[in-house]
Amino acid sequence: MAEYQLEHKIERDREKQYIISMIKELEADTAQLKNVLNDSVRVHGIDSLVRYINTHDLTNLDTRLLYYYKRKYLSSVRTMNFSKNTLSQLKNAGNMRLIRKKNVVDSLNKLDNNISEIEEQKDLVYYHYQFHVLHGTEIFNEWYYYPDSTRKRDFTNEQQFLNQPVAPPLITKEYQQLLKYASLASNWRGLVRNYHRMLATNYKFSSELIAFIKKE
């Protein structure tokens, strides 16, 4: 009997530690999620570039604006790196059995599935990123982004960029190349937007899960 009680106490202590660790990781994740979701402005910036290309031609577009949009909205993307140590430990070696309440277990399994789906979407975002980037090398001269390519440049905001005296030339002289770039950018925008939508859903779920676990 004493041995059983000791084993029972050990398992309850382990459960408590797992719960504490899980809450800490969820809190860290929600903080990071909030930061990543601030990058949703990128979607609107890509919209602006796509719209600008499709409503202008080579005779009346301002290349300074194209270079600005490309640099600001299409050169990178913020992504989420989830804290999964505790969740992995619970899944491995049957440790999930230590969590006594089924509703908590169900919620953790749902969280795990959500994270897997989000990471699959992130892979798609990264995979399709290469297409507009590679095509962009046929359109934009990266030299213009170098500090010593011209003087007195300021990338603080769009208007300051447009006020620069030098309008950088495009490598291509074919409008169809620009349309293709806009199409690739628009496709990537859709993937990024869906990624952000999934992150927003996870943010809401994780925030509610923290309160739920603490209450339980």
N, C-alpha and C. Protein backbone atom coordinates (compact mmCIF):
# COMPACT_ATOMS: atom_id res chain seq x y z
N MET A 1 0.83 -1.21 0.00
CA MET A 1 0.00 0.00 0.00
C MET A 1 0.87 1.26 0.00
N ALA A 2 1.90 1.26 0.85
CA ALA A 2 2.79 2.42 0.93
C ALA A 2 3.49 2.64 -0.40
N GLU A 3 3.88 1.53 -1.05
CA GLU A 3 4.55 1.64 -2.35
C GLU A 3 3.61 2.22 -3.40
N TYR A 4 2.35 1.81 -3.36
CA TYR A 4 1.35 2.31 -4.30
C TYR A 4 1.12 3.81 -4.09
N GLN A 5 1.04 4.20 -2.81
CA GLN A 5 0.82 5.61 -2.51
C GLN A 5 2.00 6.48 -2.96
N LEU A 6 3.21 5.92 -2.81
CA LEU A 6 4.40 6.65 -3.24
C LEU A 6 4.40 6.82 -4.77
N GLU A 7 4.07 5.73 -5.46
CA GLU A 7 4.01 5.78 -6.92
C GLU A 7 2.94 6.77 -7.40
N HIS A 8 1.81 6.75 -6.69
CA HIS A 8 0.72 7.67 -7.02
C HIS A 8 1.16 9.12 -6.83
N LYS A 9 1.86 9.38 -5.74
CA LYS A 9 2.34 10.74 -5.47
C LYS A 9 3.35 11.18 -6.53
N ILE A 10 4.21 10.27 -6.92
CA ILE A 10 5.22 10.60 -7.94
C ILE A 10 4.54 10.99 -9.26
N GLU A 11 3.51 10.22 -9.62
CA GLU A 11 2.80 10.51 -10.87
C GLU A 11 2.05 11.84 -10.81
N ARG A 12 1.47 12.13 -9.63
CA ARG A 12 0.77 13.41 -9.49
C ARG A 12 1.75 14.58 -9.55
N ASP A 13 2.93 14.38 -8.98
CA ASP A 13 3.96 15.42 -9.04
C ASP A 13 4.43 15.64 -10.48
N ARG A 14 4.56 14.54 -11.20
CA ARG A 14 4.97 14.64 -12.61
C ARG A 14 3.88 15.34 -13.43
N GLU A 15 2.64 15.02 -13.15
CA GLU A 15 1.53 15.67 -13.85
C GLU A 15 1.57 17.17 -13.59
N LYS A 16 1.78 17.54 -12.34
CA LYS A 16 1.82 18.95 -11.98
C LYS A 16 2.94 19.68 -12.72
N GLN A 17 4.11 19.04 -12.80
CA GLN A 17 5.24 19.66 -13.47
C GLN A 17 4.99 19.81 -14.97
N TYR A 18 4.36 18.80 -15.54
CA TYR A 18 4.02 18.88 -16.97
C TYR A 18 3.05 20.04 -17.23
N ILE A 19 2.07 20.17 -16.36
CA ILE A 19 1.07 21.23 -16.52
C ILE A 19 1.73 22.61 -16.39
N ILE A 20 2.60 22.76 -15.40
CA ILE A 20 3.30 24.03 -15.21
C ILE A 20 4.15 24.37 -16.44
N SER A 21 4.87 23.36 -16.93
CA SER A 21 5.72 23.56 -18.10
C SER A 21 4.89 23.89 -19.34
N MET A 22 3.74 23.22 -19.46
CA MET A 22 2.87 23.43 -20.61
C MET A 22 2.33 24.86 -20.62
N ILE A 23 1.95 25.34 -19.46
CA ILE A 23 1.43 26.71 -19.36
C ILE A 23 2.52 27.72 -19.74
N LYS A 24 3.74 27.50 -19.25
CA LYS A 24 4.85 28.41 -19.57
C LYS A 24 5.11 28.45 -21.08
N GLU A 25 5.07 27.28 -21.71
CA GLU A 25 5.33 27.23 -23.15
C GLU A 25 4.19 27.88 -23.94
N LEU A 26 2.97 27.66 -23.49
CA LEU A 26 1.83 28.29 -24.15
C LEU A 26 1.89 29.82 -24.03
N GLU A 27 2.29 30.29 -22.87
CA GLU A 27 2.41 31.74 -22.67
C GLU A 27 3.51 32.32 -23.55
N ALA A 28 4.62 31.58 -23.68
CA ALA A 28 5.71 32.04 -24.56
C ALA A 28 5.26 32.04 -26.01
N ASP A 29 4.50 31.01 -26.38
CA ASP A 29 4.03 30.92 -27.76
C ASP A 29 3.04 32.03 -28.11
N THR A 30 2.13 32.33 -27.20
CA THR A 30 1.15 33.38 -27.49
C THR A 30 1.83 34.74 -27.63
N ALA A 31 2.89 34.95 -26.85
CA ALA A 31 3.63 36.21 -26.97
C ALA A 31 4.30 36.29 -28.34
N GLN A 32 4.89 35.18 -28.77
CA GLN A 32 5.54 35.17 -30.08
C GLN A 32 4.51 35.26 -31.21
N LEU A 33 3.38 34.57 -31.03
CA LEU A 33 2.32 34.62 -32.04
C LEU A 33 1.84 36.05 -32.27
N LYS A 34 1.70 36.78 -31.19
CA LYS A 34 1.25 38.17 -31.30
C LYS A 34 2.22 38.98 -32.14
N ASN A 35 3.50 38.74 -31.94
CA ASN A 35 4.52 39.46 -32.69
C ASN A 35 4.50 39.08 -34.17
N VAL A 36 4.38 37.77 -34.44
CA VAL A 36 4.36 37.31 -35.83
C VAL A 36 3.13 37.84 -36.56
N LEU A 37 2.00 37.89 -35.86
CA LEU A 37 0.76 38.35 -36.49
C LEU A 37 0.81 39.84 -36.84
N ASN A 38 1.71 40.57 -36.20
CA ASN A 38 1.89 41.98 -36.59
C ASN A 38 2.41 42.10 -38.02
N ASP A 39 2.94 41.00 -38.52
CA ASP A 39 3.48 40.99 -39.88
C ASP A 39 2.38 40.88 -40.94
N SER A 40 1.12 40.82 -40.50
CA SER A 40 0.02 40.70 -41.46
C SER A 40 -0.07 41.91 -42.39
N VAL A 41 0.58 43.00 -42.00
CA VAL A 41 0.62 44.19 -42.87
C VAL A 41 1.31 43.85 -44.19
N ARG A 42 2.12 42.80 -44.17
CA ARG A 42 2.81 42.37 -45.39
C ARG A 42 1.83 42.02 -46.50
N VAL A 43 0.71 41.38 -46.11
CA VAL A 43 -0.30 40.99 -47.10
C VAL A 43 -0.84 42.21 -47.83
N HIS A 44 -1.12 43.27 -47.09
CA HIS A 44 -1.65 44.50 -47.70
C HIS A 44 -0.60 45.16 -48.60
N GLY A 45 0.67 45.06 -48.19
CA GLY A 45 1.73 45.62 -49.01
C GLY A 45 1.87 44.89 -50.34
N ILE A 46 1.76 43.56 -50.29
CA ILE A 46 1.82 42.78 -51.53
C ILE A 46 0.63 43.12 -52.42
N ASP A 47 -0.53 43.29 -51.81
CA ASP A 47 -1.72 43.73 -52.57
C ASP A 47 -1.42 45.02 -53.32
N SER A 48 -0.76 45.95 -52.64
CA SER A 48 -0.46 47.25 -53.25
C SER A 48 0.46 47.09 -54.46
N LEU A 49 1.48 46.23 -54.31
CA LEU A 49 2.41 46.01 -55.41
C LEU A 49 1.70 45.38 -56.60
N VAL A 50 0.91 44.34 -56.34
CA VAL A 50 0.19 43.64 -57.41
C VAL A 50 -0.76 44.59 -58.14
N ARG A 51 -1.46 45.39 -57.37
CA ARG A 51 -2.41 46.35 -57.96
C ARG A 51 -1.66 47.40 -58.79
N TYR A 52 -0.53 47.86 -58.27
CA TYR A 52 0.23 48.90 -58.98
C TYR A 52 0.74 48.39 -60.32
N ILE A 53 1.28 47.19 -60.33
CA ILE A 53 1.80 46.62 -61.58
C ILE A 53 0.68 46.42 -62.60
N ASN A 54 -0.46 45.95 -62.13
CA ASN A 54 -1.55 45.63 -63.04
C ASN A 54 -2.32 46.86 -63.52
N THR A 55 -2.08 48.00 -62.92
CA THR A 55 -2.79 49.22 -63.35
C THR A 55 -1.85 50.24 -63.99
N HIS A 56 -0.60 49.83 -64.23
CA HIS A 56 0.37 50.70 -64.90
C HIS A 56 1.12 49.88 -65.95
N ASP A 57 1.80 50.57 -66.84
CA ASP A 57 2.68 49.87 -67.77
C ASP A 57 4.08 50.48 -67.66
N LEU A 58 4.99 50.00 -68.48
CA LEU A 58 6.38 50.44 -68.35
C LEU A 58 6.58 51.92 -68.62
N THR A 59 5.61 52.55 -69.26
CA THR A 59 5.77 53.96 -69.59
C THR A 59 5.36 54.90 -68.47
N ASN A 60 4.56 54.41 -67.52
CA ASN A 60 4.06 55.34 -66.49
C ASN A 60 4.19 54.83 -65.06
N LEU A 61 4.94 53.76 -64.85
CA LEU A 61 5.14 53.32 -63.46
C LEU A 61 6.41 53.92 -62.89
N ASP A 62 6.42 54.11 -61.60
CA ASP A 62 7.58 54.66 -60.90
C ASP A 62 8.36 53.50 -60.31
N THR A 63 9.54 53.26 -60.82
CA THR A 63 10.32 52.10 -60.37
C THR A 63 10.76 52.23 -58.92
N ARG A 64 10.83 53.45 -58.40
CA ARG A 64 11.18 53.63 -56.99
C ARG A 64 10.14 52.95 -56.10
N LEU A 65 8.89 53.04 -56.50
CA LEU A 65 7.83 52.41 -55.73
C LEU A 65 7.92 50.89 -55.82
N LEU A 66 8.24 50.37 -57.00
CA LEU A 66 8.39 48.93 -57.16
C LEU A 66 9.53 48.39 -56.30
N TYR A 67 10.66 49.08 -56.32
CA TYR A 67 11.80 48.65 -55.51
C TYR A 67 11.45 48.71 -54.03
N TYR A 68 10.71 49.72 -53.65
CA TYR A 68 10.31 49.85 -52.25
C TYR A 68 9.41 48.70 -51.83
N TYR A 69 8.37 48.44 -52.60
CA TYR A 69 7.45 47.35 -52.26
C TYR A 69 8.18 46.01 -52.20
N LYS A 70 9.03 45.79 -53.17
CA LYS A 70 9.76 44.51 -53.22
C LYS A 70 10.63 44.33 -51.98
N ARG A 71 11.33 45.40 -51.62
CA ARG A 71 12.24 45.34 -50.47
C ARG A 71 11.47 45.15 -49.16
N LYS A 72 10.39 45.90 -49.01
CA LYS A 72 9.68 45.92 -47.73
C LYS A 72 8.77 44.71 -47.52
N TYR A 73 8.11 44.25 -48.58
CA TYR A 73 7.06 43.25 -48.40
C TYR A 73 7.35 41.88 -49.00
N LEU A 74 8.35 41.78 -49.88
CA LEU A 74 8.56 40.51 -50.57
C LEU A 74 9.94 39.92 -50.37
N SER A 75 10.72 40.49 -49.45
CA SER A 75 12.08 40.00 -49.23
C SER A 75 12.20 39.06 -48.04
N SER A 76 11.16 38.98 -47.22
CA SER A 76 11.22 38.10 -46.05
C SER A 76 9.81 37.91 -45.51
N VAL A 77 9.70 37.07 -44.49
CA VAL A 77 8.41 36.87 -43.82
C VAL A 77 8.69 36.36 -42.40
N ARG A 78 7.93 36.83 -41.45
CA ARG A 78 8.07 36.33 -40.07
C ARG A 78 7.31 35.02 -39.95
N THR A 79 7.93 34.07 -39.28
CA THR A 79 7.26 32.79 -39.06
C THR A 79 7.33 32.40 -37.59
N MET A 80 6.53 31.43 -37.23
CA MET A 80 6.37 31.01 -35.84
C MET A 80 7.18 29.75 -35.56
N ASN A 81 7.92 29.77 -34.46
CA ASN A 81 8.61 28.58 -33.97
C ASN A 81 7.99 28.18 -32.63
N PHE A 82 7.19 27.14 -32.66
CA PHE A 82 6.45 26.74 -31.47
C PHE A 82 7.35 26.05 -30.45
N SER A 83 7.02 26.26 -29.18
CA SER A 83 7.67 25.54 -28.08
C SER A 83 6.96 24.20 -27.92
N LYS A 84 7.65 23.11 -28.26
CA LYS A 84 6.98 21.81 -28.27
C LYS A 84 7.63 20.79 -27.35
N ASN A 85 8.54 21.23 -26.50
CA ASN A 85 9.25 20.28 -25.64
C ASN A 85 8.30 19.50 -24.74
N THR A 86 7.45 20.22 -24.02
CA THR A 86 6.53 19.55 -23.09
C THR A 86 5.53 18.69 -23.83
N LEU A 87 4.99 19.20 -24.91
CA LEU A 87 4.02 18.45 -25.70
C LEU A 87 4.64 17.17 -26.24
N SER A 88 5.89 17.25 -26.68
CA SER A 88 6.59 16.06 -27.19
C SER A 88 6.83 15.05 -26.08
N GLN A 89 7.19 15.54 -24.91
CA GLN A 89 7.41 14.64 -23.78
C GLN A 89 6.13 13.93 -23.37
N LEU A 90 5.02 14.65 -23.43
CA LEU A 90 3.73 14.05 -23.08
C LEU A 90 3.32 12.99 -24.10
N LYS A 91 3.62 13.23 -25.36
CA LYS A 91 3.25 12.28 -26.41
C LYS A 91 4.12 11.03 -26.39
N ASN A 92 5.38 11.21 -26.04
CA ASN A 92 6.32 10.09 -26.06
C ASN A 92 6.20 9.23 -24.81
N ALA A 93 6.44 7.94 -25.00
CA ALA A 93 6.48 6.97 -23.89
C ALA A 93 5.21 6.96 -23.05
N GLY A 94 4.10 7.37 -23.64
CA GLY A 94 2.82 7.28 -22.94
C GLY A 94 2.65 8.23 -21.78
N ASN A 95 3.39 9.32 -21.78
CA ASN A 95 3.30 10.25 -20.66
C ASN A 95 1.98 11.02 -20.60
N MET A 96 1.24 11.02 -21.71
CA MET A 96 -0.05 11.71 -21.71
C MET A 96 -1.02 11.09 -20.69
N ARG A 97 -0.77 9.82 -20.35
CA ARG A 97 -1.64 9.14 -19.38
C ARG A 97 -1.55 9.79 -18.00
N LEU A 98 -0.48 10.54 -17.77
CA LEU A 98 -0.33 11.20 -16.47
C LEU A 98 -1.33 12.33 -16.29
N ILE A 99 -1.85 12.87 -17.39
CA ILE A 99 -2.86 13.94 -17.32
C ILE A 99 -4.21 13.28 -17.09
N ARG A 100 -4.76 13.47 -15.91
CA ARG A 100 -5.95 12.72 -15.51
C ARG A 100 -7.23 13.18 -16.21
N LYS A 101 -7.35 14.44 -16.49
CA LYS A 101 -8.62 14.95 -17.02
C LYS A 101 -8.65 14.83 -18.54
N LYS A 102 -9.64 14.10 -19.02
CA LYS A 102 -9.74 13.81 -20.45
C LYS A 102 -9.91 15.08 -21.28
N ASN A 103 -10.64 16.06 -20.75
CA ASN A 103 -10.85 17.28 -21.54
C ASN A 103 -9.54 18.04 -21.75
N VAL A 104 -8.62 17.94 -20.78
CA VAL A 104 -7.31 18.56 -20.95
C VAL A 104 -6.50 17.80 -21.99
N VAL A 105 -6.55 16.48 -21.92
CA VAL A 105 -5.85 15.64 -22.91
C VAL A 105 -6.36 15.93 -24.31
N ASP A 106 -7.67 16.00 -24.45
CA ASP A 106 -8.27 16.29 -25.76
C ASP A 106 -7.80 17.64 -26.30
N SER A 107 -7.72 18.62 -25.42
CA SER A 107 -7.29 19.96 -25.83
C SER A 107 -5.82 19.96 -26.26
N LEU A 108 -4.99 19.21 -25.54
CA LEU A 108 -3.58 19.13 -25.89
C LEU A 108 -3.38 18.41 -27.22
N ASN A 109 -4.17 17.38 -27.46
CA ASN A 109 -4.10 16.67 -28.75
C ASN A 109 -4.53 17.59 -29.90
N LYS A 110 -5.56 18.38 -29.64
CA LYS A 110 -6.01 19.33 -30.66
C LYS A 110 -4.94 20.38 -30.93
N LEU A 111 -4.29 20.85 -29.87
CA LEU A 111 -3.20 21.81 -30.03
C LEU A 111 -2.09 21.22 -30.89
N ASP A 112 -1.75 19.96 -30.62
CA ASP A 112 -0.70 19.28 -31.38
C ASP A 112 -1.06 19.20 -32.86
N ASN A 113 -2.31 18.87 -33.14
CA ASN A 113 -2.77 18.80 -34.53
C ASN A 113 -2.73 20.18 -35.20
N ASN A 114 -3.15 21.20 -34.46
CA ASN A 114 -3.13 22.57 -34.99
C ASN A 114 -1.71 22.99 -35.37
N ILE A 115 -0.77 22.68 -34.48
CA ILE A 115 0.62 23.06 -34.73
C ILE A 115 1.16 22.34 -35.97
N SER A 116 0.82 21.06 -36.11
CA SER A 116 1.28 20.30 -37.28
C SER A 116 0.76 20.91 -38.57
N GLU A 117 -0.50 21.30 -38.58
CA GLU A 117 -1.10 21.90 -39.78
C GLU A 117 -0.46 23.26 -40.09
N ILE A 118 -0.19 24.03 -39.05
CA ILE A 118 0.44 25.34 -39.23
C ILE A 118 1.85 25.18 -39.80
N GLU A 119 2.58 24.18 -39.30
CA GLU A 119 3.95 23.98 -39.78
C GLU A 119 3.97 23.48 -41.22
N GLU A 120 2.95 22.73 -41.61
CA GLU A 120 2.83 22.33 -43.01
C GLU A 120 2.59 23.56 -43.89
N GLN A 121 1.75 24.46 -43.40
CA GLN A 121 1.48 25.69 -44.16
C GLN A 121 2.73 26.56 -44.23
N LYS A 122 3.50 26.59 -43.15
CA LYS A 122 4.75 27.36 -43.15
C LYS A 122 5.71 26.81 -44.20
N ASP A 123 5.77 25.49 -44.33
CA ASP A 123 6.61 24.88 -45.36
C ASP A 123 6.18 25.33 -46.75
N LEU A 124 4.87 25.43 -46.97
CA LEU A 124 4.36 25.91 -48.26
C LEU A 124 4.77 27.36 -48.51
N VAL A 125 4.69 28.18 -47.46
CA VAL A 125 5.08 29.58 -47.57
C VAL A 125 6.55 29.69 -47.98
N TYR A 126 7.41 28.90 -47.33
CA TYR A 126 8.83 28.93 -47.65
C TYR A 126 9.11 28.38 -49.05
N TYR A 127 8.40 27.30 -49.40
CA TYR A 127 8.62 26.67 -50.70
C TYR A 127 8.26 27.63 -51.84
N HIS A 128 7.12 28.27 -51.76
CA HIS A 128 6.67 29.16 -52.83
C HIS A 128 7.38 30.51 -52.79
N TYR A 129 8.04 30.81 -51.70
CA TYR A 129 8.80 32.06 -51.59
C TYR A 129 9.87 32.14 -52.68
N GLN A 130 10.46 30.99 -52.99
CA GLN A 130 11.58 30.97 -53.93
C GLN A 130 11.17 31.42 -55.34
N PHE A 131 9.91 31.21 -55.71
CA PHE A 131 9.51 31.47 -57.09
C PHE A 131 9.53 32.96 -57.44
N HIS A 132 8.90 33.78 -56.58
CA HIS A 132 8.93 35.21 -56.90
C HIS A 132 10.32 35.80 -56.66
N VAL A 133 11.06 35.21 -55.72
CA VAL A 133 12.42 35.70 -55.47
C VAL A 133 13.31 35.45 -56.68
N LEU A 134 13.27 34.24 -57.22
CA LEU A 134 14.09 33.91 -58.38
C LEU A 134 13.68 34.74 -59.60
N HIS A 135 12.38 34.89 -59.79
CA HIS A 135 11.92 35.69 -60.93
C HIS A 135 12.29 37.17 -60.73
N GLY A 136 12.32 37.59 -59.48
CA GLY A 136 12.67 38.98 -59.18
C GLY A 136 14.08 39.33 -59.59
N THR A 137 14.98 38.32 -59.64
CA THR A 137 16.36 38.60 -60.06
C THR A 137 16.45 38.97 -61.53
N GLU A 138 15.40 38.68 -62.29
CA GLU A 138 15.37 39.05 -63.71
C GLU A 138 14.74 40.44 -63.91
N ILE A 139 14.26 41.01 -62.82
CA ILE A 139 13.56 42.30 -62.91
C ILE A 139 14.27 43.41 -62.15
N PHE A 140 14.70 43.10 -60.92
CA PHE A 140 15.28 44.12 -60.04
C PHE A 140 16.80 43.99 -59.97
N ASN A 141 17.48 45.11 -60.02
CA ASN A 141 18.92 45.15 -59.86
C ASN A 141 19.24 45.31 -58.38
N GLU A 142 19.71 44.25 -57.75
CA GLU A 142 19.96 44.27 -56.30
C GLU A 142 21.03 45.29 -55.91
N TRP A 143 21.84 45.70 -56.87
CA TRP A 143 22.87 46.69 -56.58
C TRP A 143 22.26 47.97 -56.01
N TYR A 144 21.06 48.26 -56.42
CA TYR A 144 20.43 49.50 -55.97
C TYR A 144 20.18 49.49 -54.46
N TYR A 145 20.12 48.30 -53.87
CA TYR A 145 19.88 48.21 -52.43
C TYR A 145 21.17 48.37 -51.62
N TYR A 146 22.31 48.36 -52.29
CA TYR A 146 23.57 48.50 -51.58
C TYR A 146 23.74 49.95 -51.10
N PRO A 147 24.29 50.13 -49.91
CA PRO A 147 24.44 51.49 -49.36
C PRO A 147 25.25 52.43 -50.25
N ASP A 148 26.25 51.89 -50.97
CA ASP A 148 27.11 52.75 -51.76
C ASP A 148 26.66 52.88 -53.22
N SER A 149 25.44 52.40 -53.53
CA SER A 149 24.96 52.52 -54.91
C SER A 149 24.53 53.94 -55.24
N THR A 150 24.10 54.66 -54.23
CA THR A 150 23.72 56.06 -54.41
C THR A 150 23.76 56.73 -53.04
N ARG A 151 23.75 58.02 -53.00
CA ARG A 151 23.89 58.74 -51.74
C ARG A 151 22.55 59.22 -51.20
N LYS A 152 22.56 59.46 -49.89
CA LYS A 152 21.41 60.08 -49.22
C LYS A 152 20.10 59.32 -49.44
N ARG A 153 20.16 58.01 -49.31
CA ARG A 153 18.92 57.24 -49.41
C ARG A 153 18.36 57.02 -48.01
N ASP A 154 17.07 56.91 -47.93
CA ASP A 154 16.40 56.70 -46.64
C ASP A 154 15.21 55.78 -46.85
N PHE A 155 15.25 54.60 -46.19
CA PHE A 155 14.18 53.63 -46.35
C PHE A 155 13.15 53.71 -45.22
N THR A 156 13.17 54.82 -44.47
CA THR A 156 12.29 54.90 -43.31
C THR A 156 10.83 54.73 -43.67
N ASN A 157 10.38 55.38 -44.70
CA ASN A 157 9.00 55.20 -45.14
C ASN A 157 8.91 55.38 -46.65
N GLU A 158 7.76 55.03 -47.16
CA GLU A 158 7.56 55.02 -48.61
C GLU A 158 7.79 56.39 -49.24
N GLN A 159 7.27 57.44 -48.62
CA GLN A 159 7.37 58.76 -49.22
C GLN A 159 8.82 59.21 -49.33
N GLN A 160 9.62 58.95 -48.29
CA GLN A 160 11.03 59.33 -48.34
C GLN A 160 11.76 58.57 -49.44
N PHE A 161 11.35 57.32 -49.64
CA PHE A 161 11.97 56.53 -50.70
C PHE A 161 11.63 57.13 -52.06
N LEU A 162 10.36 57.51 -52.24
CA LEU A 162 9.93 58.08 -53.52
C LEU A 162 10.59 59.42 -53.80
N ASN A 163 10.99 60.12 -52.74
CA ASN A 163 11.61 61.43 -52.92
C ASN A 163 13.08 61.35 -53.31
N GLN A 164 13.63 60.13 -53.35
CA GLN A 164 15.02 60.00 -53.76
C GLN A 164 15.18 60.44 -55.22
N PRO A 165 16.27 61.12 -55.53
CA PRO A 165 16.43 61.67 -56.89
C PRO A 165 16.63 60.63 -57.98
N VAL A 166 17.13 59.46 -57.61
CA VAL A 166 17.44 58.45 -58.62
C VAL A 166 16.33 57.40 -58.68
N ALA A 167 15.73 57.27 -59.85
CA ALA A 167 14.74 56.21 -60.07
C ALA A 167 15.48 55.02 -60.68
N PRO A 168 15.66 53.94 -59.94
CA PRO A 168 16.47 52.82 -60.43
C PRO A 168 15.82 52.13 -61.63
N PRO A 169 16.60 51.80 -62.63
CA PRO A 169 16.03 51.10 -63.79
C PRO A 169 15.75 49.64 -63.47
N LEU A 170 14.81 49.06 -64.16
CA LEU A 170 14.56 47.63 -64.07
C LEU A 170 15.49 46.91 -65.04
N ILE A 171 15.80 45.67 -64.74
CA ILE A 171 16.62 44.87 -65.64
C ILE A 171 15.85 44.54 -66.91
N THR A 172 14.59 44.20 -66.73
CA THR A 172 13.76 43.80 -67.87
C THR A 172 13.11 45.01 -68.55
N LYS A 173 12.84 44.85 -69.81
CA LYS A 173 12.09 45.85 -70.57
C LYS A 173 10.75 45.27 -71.03
N GLU A 174 10.42 44.10 -70.50
CA GLU A 174 9.20 43.41 -70.92
C GLU A 174 8.14 43.50 -69.83
N TYR A 175 7.02 44.06 -70.16
CA TYR A 175 5.92 44.22 -69.20
C TYR A 175 5.38 42.87 -68.72
N GLN A 176 5.43 41.86 -69.60
CA GLN A 176 4.95 40.52 -69.24
C GLN A 176 5.75 39.94 -68.07
N GLN A 177 7.01 40.31 -67.99
CA GLN A 177 7.84 39.85 -66.87
C GLN A 177 7.32 40.42 -65.55
N LEU A 178 6.91 41.68 -65.59
CA LEU A 178 6.34 42.31 -64.39
C LEU A 178 5.01 41.66 -64.01
N LEU A 179 4.20 41.36 -65.01
CA LEU A 179 2.91 40.72 -64.74
C LEU A 179 3.11 39.34 -64.13
N LYS A 180 4.12 38.62 -64.61
CA LYS A 180 4.41 37.30 -64.04
C LYS A 180 4.86 37.44 -62.59
N TYR A 181 5.70 38.44 -62.33
CA TYR A 181 6.15 38.68 -60.96
C TYR A 181 4.97 39.00 -60.05
N ALA A 182 4.05 39.83 -60.54
CA ALA A 182 2.87 40.18 -59.76
C ALA A 182 2.01 38.95 -59.48
N SER A 183 1.92 38.06 -60.46
CA SER A 183 1.13 36.84 -60.29
C SER A 183 1.76 35.92 -59.25
N LEU A 184 3.08 35.75 -59.31
CA LEU A 184 3.78 34.93 -58.32
C LEU A 184 3.66 35.54 -56.93
N ALA A 185 3.77 36.86 -56.85
CA ALA A 185 3.64 37.55 -55.57
C ALA A 185 2.24 37.38 -55.01
N SER A 186 1.24 37.46 -55.87
CA SER A 186 -0.15 37.32 -55.43
C SER A 186 -0.41 35.91 -54.91
N ASN A 187 0.17 34.92 -55.57
CA ASN A 187 0.01 33.54 -55.11
C ASN A 187 0.65 33.35 -53.73
N TRP A 188 1.84 33.93 -53.56
CA TRP A 188 2.52 33.82 -52.27
C TRP A 188 1.74 34.56 -51.19
N ARG A 189 1.17 35.69 -51.56
CA ARG A 189 0.34 36.46 -50.63
C ARG A 189 -0.80 35.60 -50.08
N GLY A 190 -1.43 34.81 -50.95
CA GLY A 190 -2.52 33.95 -50.50
C GLY A 190 -2.06 32.93 -49.48
N LEU A 191 -0.87 32.37 -49.68
CA LEU A 191 -0.32 31.40 -48.75
C LEU A 191 0.02 32.05 -47.41
N VAL A 192 0.60 33.25 -47.48
CA VAL A 192 0.95 33.98 -46.25
C VAL A 192 -0.32 34.36 -45.49
N ARG A 193 -1.33 34.81 -46.22
CA ARG A 193 -2.59 35.20 -45.57
C ARG A 193 -3.22 34.00 -44.87
N ASN A 194 -3.21 32.85 -45.51
CA ASN A 194 -3.77 31.65 -44.89
C ASN A 194 -2.96 31.23 -43.68
N TYR A 195 -1.64 31.39 -43.78
CA TYR A 195 -0.75 31.09 -42.65
C TYR A 195 -1.10 31.99 -41.46
N HIS A 196 -1.29 33.27 -41.71
CA HIS A 196 -1.66 34.20 -40.64
C HIS A 196 -3.04 33.86 -40.06
N ARG A 197 -3.95 33.44 -40.91
CA ARG A 197 -5.28 33.05 -40.43
C ARG A 197 -5.18 31.87 -39.47
N MET A 198 -4.36 30.89 -39.82
CA MET A 198 -4.16 29.72 -38.97
C MET A 198 -3.49 30.12 -37.65
N LEU A 199 -2.53 31.03 -37.73
CA LEU A 199 -1.86 31.50 -36.52
C LEU A 199 -2.83 32.25 -35.60
N ALA A 200 -3.70 33.05 -36.19
CA ALA A 200 -4.68 33.80 -35.40
C ALA A 200 -5.64 32.84 -34.69
N THR A 201 -6.03 31.79 -35.38
CA THR A 201 -6.90 30.77 -34.77
C THR A 201 -6.19 30.08 -33.62
N ASN A 202 -4.91 29.77 -33.84
CA ASN A 202 -4.13 29.12 -32.79
C ASN A 202 -3.90 30.05 -31.61
N TYR A 203 -3.72 31.33 -31.89
CA TYR A 203 -3.53 32.30 -30.80
C TYR A 203 -4.76 32.32 -29.89
N LYS A 204 -5.93 32.34 -30.49
CA LYS A 204 -7.17 32.34 -29.72
C LYS A 204 -7.31 31.03 -28.93
N PHE A 205 -7.04 29.92 -29.60
CA PHE A 205 -7.16 28.61 -28.94
C PHE A 205 -6.16 28.49 -27.78
N SER A 206 -4.92 28.89 -28.01
CA SER A 206 -3.89 28.78 -26.98
C SER A 206 -4.18 29.68 -25.78
N SER A 207 -4.67 30.88 -26.05
CA SER A 207 -5.02 31.80 -24.96
C SER A 207 -6.13 31.22 -24.10
N GLU A 208 -7.12 30.64 -24.75
CA GLU A 208 -8.22 30.01 -24.02
C GLU A 208 -7.75 28.76 -23.29
N LEU A 209 -6.81 28.04 -23.91
CA LEU A 209 -6.30 26.81 -23.29
C LEU A 209 -5.52 27.12 -22.01
N ILE A 210 -4.78 28.21 -22.00
CA ILE A 210 -4.05 28.60 -20.79
C ILE A 210 -5.03 28.80 -19.63
N ALA A 211 -6.08 29.56 -19.87
CA ALA A 211 -7.08 29.82 -18.83
C ALA A 211 -7.78 28.53 -18.42
N PHE A 212 -8.04 27.68 -19.41
CA PHE A 212 -8.74 26.42 -19.15
C PHE A 212 -7.91 25.49 -18.27
N ILE A 213 -6.62 25.34 -18.60
CA ILE A 213 -5.75 24.45 -17.83
C ILE A 213 -5.55 24.98 -16.41
N LYS A 214 -5.39 26.28 -16.28
CA LYS A 214 -5.22 26.86 -14.94
C LYS A 214 -6.45 26.61 -14.07
N LYS A 215 -7.60 26.69 -14.70
CA LYS A 215 -8.85 26.48 -13.96
C LYS A 215 -9.01 25.02 -13.56
N GLU A 216 -8.62 24.13 -14.46
CA GLU A 216 -8.77 22.70 -14.20
C GLU A 216 -7.78 22.22 -13.14
